[in-house]
Amino acid sequence: MLARNTDSCYFRGVMKALVFTAPSVVELHEVDEPSPRSDEIIIEVATAGICGSELHGVRTPGFRTPPLVMGHEFAGTTPDGRRVAVNPIVSCGACDLCTRGRGQLCRSRAIIGVHRPGGFAERVAVPSSAIHVLPDSMSWTVAGVAEPIANAVHIWNLAGLPAGARVGVIGCGSIGLLCLQLARRWGAATVAAADPSERRRAVARRLGADSAEPALQGEFDVIVDAVGLPVTHADSLARLTPGGTAVWVGLLSAETGFDATDLVRSEKRVLGSFGYTPDEFAKAVELAGQWDLSWVDTFPLAEGASVFTALMQGGTDPIKALLTP
């Protein structure tokens, strides 16, 4: 709930947060301090990443409903001083999917920052089971990217480890760049990247892409579509070798845009990728210190509305923005 802007004595028990207040509007507000339940813990937020899905979600409300404190990629400190990253997917833990280790697909899942207040705030209440303790040597910048790394781990586990594969990555935002780096780390034969931004293509080359062009050229065994538009859906299939696999993780459009007959006649596969399992999030925390994250920028929470708005309106810089309360 937003706090009323009255006299100063009212502000005891409130904190600052970046709030999604209306379509295409995010604003810095004073909001009530979180009130944890018995199974929850308060996290003092150190860093919280802006996700592309949030930019799209604010422009087209539905999955996210204002007023909402977003932020599902975050890390911080517990009251007893532990440095932690938070898995924002809260599942029931008891259904058929949860007991098979697929809690990210739980039919009653909730996501911190989507269905309940998230990390774009000074403090947030989270289930105690959601925290993953970080090594003291890990920087907050690295910790703030643990959640997108978990997405990349899940994508390659779905597709099959890319050892020896020709890999294409469409979209050089944070998920695309992390998928590129992980494909290299896990033995891809070649990795090509595609993005309309020359700056992002230059970063992809620096991170190990063999080529980076506005669109993919050639044929690939595995293609990751980290954009999610009809044109990228279509391209992800058109550039697949027969028997190849496309993994769709981008969420910019519900339209498919692909030729279904080509899918059948060439035995191509399309896999949707959502989130990650608890084990994959733990793996991401383990891997988090092994990345080139020089393309990640940090901003104070007080500047969050202007940074968020610029990105929402089509800006491509920064590639990844972390907010620090």
Protein backbone atom coordinates (compact mmCIF):
# COMPACT_ATOMS: atom_id res chain seq x y z
CA MET A 1 0.00 0.00 0.00
CA LEU A 2 1.27 3.49 -0.81
CA ALA A 3 1.84 5.68 2.22
CA ARG A 4 -0.07 8.96 2.39
CA ASN A 5 1.98 12.08 1.91
CA THR A 6 1.07 13.96 5.10
CA ASP A 7 3.08 15.24 8.03
CA SER A 8 6.51 13.83 8.84
CA CYS A 9 5.39 11.85 11.89
CA TYR A 10 3.35 9.62 9.57
CA PHE A 11 6.50 8.39 7.87
CA ARG A 12 7.69 6.29 10.78
CA GLY A 13 7.47 2.70 9.54
CA VAL A 14 7.75 3.51 5.85
CA MET A 15 10.52 3.13 3.29
CA LYS A 16 11.33 4.16 -0.26
CA ALA A 17 10.32 1.96 -3.19
CA LEU A 18 9.98 2.17 -6.96
CA VAL A 19 6.27 1.56 -7.62
CA PHE A 20 4.45 0.59 -10.82
CA THR A 21 1.45 2.94 -10.40
CA ALA A 22 -0.27 2.98 -13.83
CA PRO A 23 0.32 1.79 -17.40
CA SER A 24 3.78 2.98 -18.50
CA VAL A 25 4.36 4.75 -15.17
CA VAL A 26 6.82 3.91 -12.39
CA GLU A 27 7.45 6.34 -9.54
CA LEU A 28 9.54 6.57 -6.38
CA HIS A 29 7.20 6.53 -3.37
CA GLU A 30 7.15 6.12 0.37
CA VAL A 31 5.48 2.77 1.10
CA ASP A 32 4.74 0.77 4.22
CA GLU A 33 7.51 -1.34 5.67
CA PRO A 34 6.98 -5.08 4.98
CA SER A 35 5.33 -7.15 7.68
CA PRO A 36 6.80 -10.66 7.52
CA ARG A 37 4.79 -13.77 8.33
CA SER A 38 6.20 -16.45 10.61
CA ASP A 39 7.83 -18.30 7.70
CA GLU A 40 9.33 -15.14 6.17
CA ILE A 41 12.42 -13.04 6.64
CA ILE A 42 13.17 -9.39 5.90
CA ILE A 43 15.88 -8.75 3.31
CA GLU A 44 17.73 -5.42 3.31
CA VAL A 45 18.03 -5.03 -0.46
CA ALA A 46 21.54 -4.33 -1.75
CA THR A 47 20.89 -4.64 -5.48
CA ALA A 48 17.91 -5.33 -7.76
CA GLY A 49 17.99 -5.80 -11.52
CA ILE A 50 15.54 -4.37 -14.06
CA CYS A 51 14.28 -7.21 -16.27
CA GLY A 52 13.03 -6.85 -19.83
CA SER A 53 9.82 -8.63 -18.83
CA GLU A 54 9.14 -5.78 -16.39
CA LEU A 55 9.61 -3.16 -19.10
CA HIS A 56 7.07 -4.99 -21.26
CA GLY A 57 4.78 -5.66 -18.28
CA VAL A 58 4.54 -1.98 -17.34
CA ARG A 59 3.68 -1.01 -20.91
CA THR A 60 1.00 -3.72 -21.12
CA PRO A 61 -0.40 -4.48 -17.65
CA GLY A 62 -2.06 -7.84 -17.12
CA PHE A 63 0.46 -10.27 -15.68
CA ARG A 64 1.51 -7.41 -13.37
CA THR A 65 -1.17 -5.19 -11.87
CA PRO A 66 -0.55 -1.73 -10.38
CA PRO A 67 0.10 -0.56 -7.76
CA LEU A 68 3.03 -2.94 -7.40
CA VAL A 69 6.60 -2.86 -6.14
CA MET A 70 8.28 -4.97 -8.80
CA GLY A 71 11.77 -6.48 -8.78
CA HIS A 72 12.30 -10.25 -8.97
CA GLU A 73 16.09 -10.17 -9.48
CA PHE A 74 17.61 -9.11 -6.19
CA ALA A 75 20.08 -9.81 -3.42
CA GLY A 76 20.69 -8.36 -0.01
CA THR A 77 21.36 -8.96 3.67
CA THR A 78 19.37 -10.83 6.32
CA PRO A 79 18.87 -9.43 9.84
CA ASP A 80 21.63 -11.73 11.11
CA GLY A 81 24.10 -10.41 8.54
CA ARG A 82 24.07 -13.13 5.88
CA ARG A 83 24.56 -12.01 2.29
CA VAL A 84 21.94 -13.76 0.14
CA ALA A 85 20.40 -13.98 -3.32
CA VAL A 86 16.65 -14.62 -3.48
CA ASN A 87 14.86 -17.15 -5.67
CA PRO A 88 11.66 -15.23 -6.47
CA ILE A 89 9.58 -18.26 -7.54
CA VAL A 90 7.40 -19.33 -4.61
CA SER A 91 5.78 -22.72 -5.24
CA CYS A 92 3.48 -24.84 -3.09
CA GLY A 93 6.11 -27.54 -2.55
CA ALA A 94 3.54 -30.34 -2.44
CA CYS A 95 1.94 -30.78 -5.89
CA ASP A 96 2.93 -33.28 -8.57
CA LEU A 97 5.21 -30.76 -10.30
CA CYS A 98 6.90 -29.56 -7.12
CA THR A 99 7.60 -33.09 -5.94
CA ARG A 100 9.19 -33.84 -9.33
CA GLY A 101 11.57 -30.90 -8.89
CA ARG A 102 9.71 -28.60 -11.29
CA GLY A 103 8.48 -25.99 -8.85
CA GLN A 104 8.84 -23.21 -11.43
CA LEU A 105 5.82 -24.76 -13.20
CA CYS A 106 3.71 -25.14 -10.05
CA ARG A 107 0.11 -24.35 -10.91
CA SER A 108 -0.22 -22.21 -7.79
CA ARG A 109 3.19 -20.54 -7.99
CA ALA A 110 3.64 -16.90 -7.05
CA ILE A 111 6.53 -14.68 -8.08
CA ILE A 112 8.06 -12.10 -5.79
CA GLY A 113 7.85 -8.78 -7.62
CA VAL A 114 4.85 -9.93 -9.68
CA HIS A 115 2.22 -11.33 -7.33
CA ARG A 116 3.64 -9.77 -4.15
CA PRO A 117 6.02 -6.86 -3.38
CA GLY A 118 9.52 -7.28 -4.77
CA GLY A 119 13.04 -5.95 -4.58
CA PHE A 120 12.69 -2.40 -5.96
CA ALA A 121 12.58 -1.23 -2.36
CA GLU A 122 14.80 -0.75 0.63
CA ARG A 123 13.44 -3.90 2.27
CA VAL A 124 11.29 -6.87 1.26
CA ALA A 125 9.77 -9.87 3.02
CA VAL A 126 10.54 -13.24 1.42
CA PRO A 127 10.02 -16.89 2.40
CA SER A 128 12.99 -18.17 4.38
CA SER A 129 13.23 -21.07 1.92
CA ALA A 130 13.89 -18.62 -0.97
CA ILE A 131 17.29 -17.39 0.21
CA HIS A 132 20.66 -18.68 -1.01
CA VAL A 133 23.71 -17.68 1.02
CA LEU A 134 26.48 -15.98 -0.98
CA PRO A 135 30.23 -16.08 -0.40
CA ASP A 136 31.61 -12.96 1.26
CA SER A 137 33.90 -12.43 -1.73
CA MET A 138 31.00 -12.05 -4.20
CA SER A 139 30.25 -8.48 -5.23
CA TRP A 140 26.70 -7.17 -5.11
CA THR A 141 26.87 -6.60 -8.87
CA VAL A 142 27.49 -10.30 -9.44
CA ALA A 143 24.88 -11.28 -6.84
CA GLY A 144 22.30 -9.10 -8.59
CA VAL A 145 22.67 -11.15 -11.79
CA ALA A 146 22.23 -14.57 -10.14
CA GLU A 147 18.57 -14.78 -11.23
CA PRO A 148 19.22 -14.20 -14.96
CA ILE A 149 22.13 -16.67 -14.76
CA ALA A 150 19.65 -19.24 -13.42
CA ASN A 151 17.51 -18.65 -16.52
CA ALA A 152 20.54 -19.35 -18.74
CA VAL A 153 21.32 -22.55 -16.82
CA HIS A 154 17.73 -23.72 -17.27
CA ILE A 155 17.73 -22.90 -21.00
CA TRP A 156 20.80 -25.04 -21.66
CA ASN A 157 19.52 -27.85 -19.48
CA LEU A 158 16.31 -27.85 -21.56
CA ALA A 159 18.09 -27.73 -24.90
CA GLY A 160 20.82 -30.17 -23.89
CA LEU A 161 24.36 -29.10 -23.12
CA PRO A 162 25.73 -27.29 -26.19
CA ALA A 163 29.04 -29.21 -26.41
CA GLY A 164 29.97 -29.35 -30.10
CA ALA A 165 26.81 -27.52 -31.22
CA ARG A 166 26.42 -24.56 -33.53
CA VAL A 167 24.55 -22.07 -31.34
CA GLY A 168 22.59 -18.97 -32.31
CA VAL A 169 21.36 -16.36 -29.83
CA ILE A 170 18.72 -13.82 -30.87
CA GLY A 171 18.73 -10.76 -28.61
CA CYS A 172 21.77 -9.45 -26.76
CA GLY A 173 20.10 -8.32 -23.58
CA SER A 174 21.15 -9.88 -20.29
CA ILE A 175 19.61 -13.33 -20.92
CA GLY A 176 21.08 -13.52 -24.43
CA LEU A 177 24.55 -12.46 -23.30
CA LEU A 178 24.51 -14.92 -20.40
CA CYS A 179 23.33 -17.74 -22.70
CA LEU A 180 26.17 -16.84 -25.06
CA GLN A 181 28.77 -17.01 -22.28
CA LEU A 182 27.38 -20.26 -20.89
CA ALA A 183 27.33 -21.86 -24.34
CA ARG A 184 31.01 -20.98 -24.67
CA ARG A 185 31.75 -22.30 -21.19
CA TRP A 186 29.92 -25.55 -21.90
CA GLY A 187 31.69 -26.29 -25.18
CA ALA A 188 29.68 -24.94 -28.11
CA ALA A 189 31.54 -25.29 -31.42
CA THR A 190 30.44 -21.84 -32.61
CA VAL A 191 28.21 -19.10 -31.18
CA ALA A 192 26.56 -16.41 -33.29
CA ALA A 193 24.55 -13.51 -31.87
CA ALA A 194 21.93 -11.24 -33.41
CA ASP A 195 20.71 -7.83 -32.23
CA PRO A 196 19.75 -4.55 -33.95
CA SER A 197 22.00 -2.56 -31.59
CA GLU A 198 25.62 -2.21 -32.72
CA ARG A 199 26.72 -1.55 -29.13
CA ARG A 200 25.13 -4.78 -27.96
CA ARG A 201 26.63 -6.69 -30.89
CA ALA A 202 30.07 -5.33 -29.94
CA VAL A 203 29.58 -6.57 -26.37
CA ALA A 204 28.55 -10.00 -27.71
CA ARG A 205 31.75 -10.20 -29.78
CA ARG A 206 33.82 -9.23 -26.76
CA LEU A 207 32.13 -11.97 -24.71
CA GLY A 208 33.03 -14.65 -27.24
CA ALA A 209 30.53 -14.57 -30.11
CA ASP A 210 32.13 -15.73 -33.36
CA SER A 211 29.84 -13.32 -35.19
CA ALA A 212 27.26 -10.71 -34.23
CA GLU A 213 24.95 -9.24 -36.87
CA PRO A 214 21.51 -7.60 -36.98
CA ALA A 215 20.06 -11.04 -37.87
CA LEU A 216 21.38 -14.59 -37.75
CA GLN A 217 23.10 -15.91 -40.87
CA GLY A 218 23.64 -19.59 -41.58
CA GLU A 219 22.29 -22.73 -39.93
CA PHE A 220 22.34 -23.74 -36.25
CA ASP A 221 21.74 -26.78 -34.09
CA VAL A 222 20.29 -24.74 -31.22
CA ILE A 223 18.86 -21.22 -31.26
CA VAL A 224 17.80 -19.23 -28.20
CA ASP A 225 15.17 -16.56 -28.86
CA ALA A 226 15.60 -14.08 -26.01
CA VAL A 227 13.31 -11.51 -27.65
CA GLY A 228 9.95 -13.14 -28.29
CA LEU A 229 8.50 -11.29 -31.29
CA PRO A 230 6.82 -13.02 -34.27
CA VAL A 231 9.79 -12.14 -36.49
CA THR A 232 12.31 -13.63 -34.04
CA HIS A 233 10.13 -16.71 -33.53
CA ALA A 234 10.09 -17.20 -37.29
CA ASP A 235 13.83 -16.61 -37.63
CA SER A 236 14.64 -19.00 -34.79
CA LEU A 237 12.99 -21.80 -36.77
CA ALA A 238 14.07 -20.76 -40.26
CA ARG A 239 17.75 -20.84 -39.20
CA LEU A 240 17.57 -24.24 -37.51
CA THR A 241 19.14 -27.28 -39.07
CA PRO A 242 16.67 -30.17 -39.60
CA GLY A 243 16.22 -31.84 -36.22
CA GLY A 244 17.39 -28.69 -34.42
CA THR A 245 15.97 -27.07 -31.31
CA ALA A 246 14.73 -23.54 -30.68
CA VAL A 247 14.30 -22.39 -27.08
CA TRP A 248 11.92 -19.46 -26.64
CA VAL A 249 12.45 -17.41 -23.49
CA GLY A 250 11.46 -13.90 -24.70
CA LEU A 251 7.96 -12.66 -23.86
CA LEU A 252 7.38 -9.62 -26.08
CA SER A 253 4.46 -11.10 -28.05
CA ALA A 254 1.92 -13.89 -27.81
CA GLU A 255 1.96 -14.30 -31.60
CA THR A 256 3.91 -17.29 -32.92
CA GLY A 257 4.77 -16.14 -36.45
CA PHE A 258 6.33 -19.41 -37.66
CA ASP A 259 5.72 -21.93 -40.43
CA ALA A 260 4.23 -25.01 -38.77
CA THR A 261 4.76 -27.19 -41.87
CA ASP A 262 8.51 -26.57 -41.70
CA LEU A 263 8.40 -27.62 -38.05
CA VAL A 264 6.82 -30.94 -39.05
CA ARG A 265 8.74 -31.73 -42.24
CA SER A 266 12.14 -30.92 -40.72
CA GLU A 267 11.45 -32.40 -37.26
CA LYS A 268 12.40 -29.17 -35.57
CA ARG A 269 11.57 -28.60 -31.92
CA VAL A 270 10.38 -25.50 -30.09
CA LEU A 271 10.76 -25.47 -26.31
CA GLY A 272 9.38 -22.81 -24.01
CA SER A 273 11.61 -21.85 -21.10
CA PHE A 274 10.24 -20.31 -17.92
CA GLY A 275 12.34 -19.66 -14.84
CA TYR A 276 14.45 -22.44 -13.36
CA THR A 277 14.31 -25.23 -10.82
CA PRO A 278 15.52 -24.68 -7.24
CA ASP A 279 18.62 -26.73 -8.07
CA GLU A 280 19.33 -24.56 -11.11
CA PHE A 281 19.07 -21.40 -9.02
CA ALA A 282 21.57 -22.90 -6.59
CA LYS A 283 23.83 -23.76 -9.54
CA ALA A 284 23.58 -20.17 -10.76
CA VAL A 285 24.74 -18.89 -7.37
CA GLU A 286 27.65 -21.33 -7.57
CA LEU A 287 28.56 -20.10 -11.07
CA ALA A 288 27.93 -16.41 -10.43
CA GLY A 289 31.55 -15.39 -9.88
CA GLN A 290 32.73 -16.78 -13.22
CA TRP A 291 31.26 -14.25 -15.67
CA ASP A 292 32.31 -11.13 -17.52
CA LEU A 293 29.72 -8.64 -16.27
CA SER A 294 31.43 -5.48 -17.47
CA TRP A 295 28.22 -4.67 -19.40
CA VAL A 296 26.19 -4.33 -16.18
CA ASP A 297 25.61 -0.81 -14.79
CA THR A 298 24.47 0.25 -11.33
CA PHE A 299 22.20 3.17 -10.39
CA PRO A 300 20.78 4.42 -7.10
CA LEU A 301 17.13 3.54 -6.46
CA ALA A 302 16.38 7.28 -6.50
CA GLU A 303 17.21 7.28 -10.24
CA GLY A 304 15.24 4.11 -10.89
CA ALA A 305 12.16 5.77 -12.42
CA SER A 306 14.19 7.67 -15.02
CA VAL A 307 16.34 4.64 -15.92
CA PHE A 308 13.29 2.37 -16.10
CA THR A 309 11.34 4.83 -18.23
CA ALA A 310 14.20 5.36 -20.68
CA LEU A 311 14.55 1.60 -21.18
CA MET A 312 10.78 1.15 -21.43
CA GLN A 313 10.67 3.76 -24.21
CA GLY A 314 13.14 1.79 -26.31
CA GLY A 315 16.56 2.73 -24.99
CA THR A 316 19.27 0.10 -25.37
CA ASP A 317 21.74 1.51 -22.86
CA PRO A 318 22.37 0.28 -20.24
CA ILE A 319 22.18 -3.35 -21.33
CA LYS A 320 21.55 -4.34 -17.71
CA ALA A 321 20.64 -1.89 -14.97
CA LEU A 322 20.91 -2.74 -11.29
CA LEU A 323 19.25 -0.48 -8.71
CA THR A 324 20.84 -0.02 -5.29
CA PRO A 325 18.63 1.22 -2.44
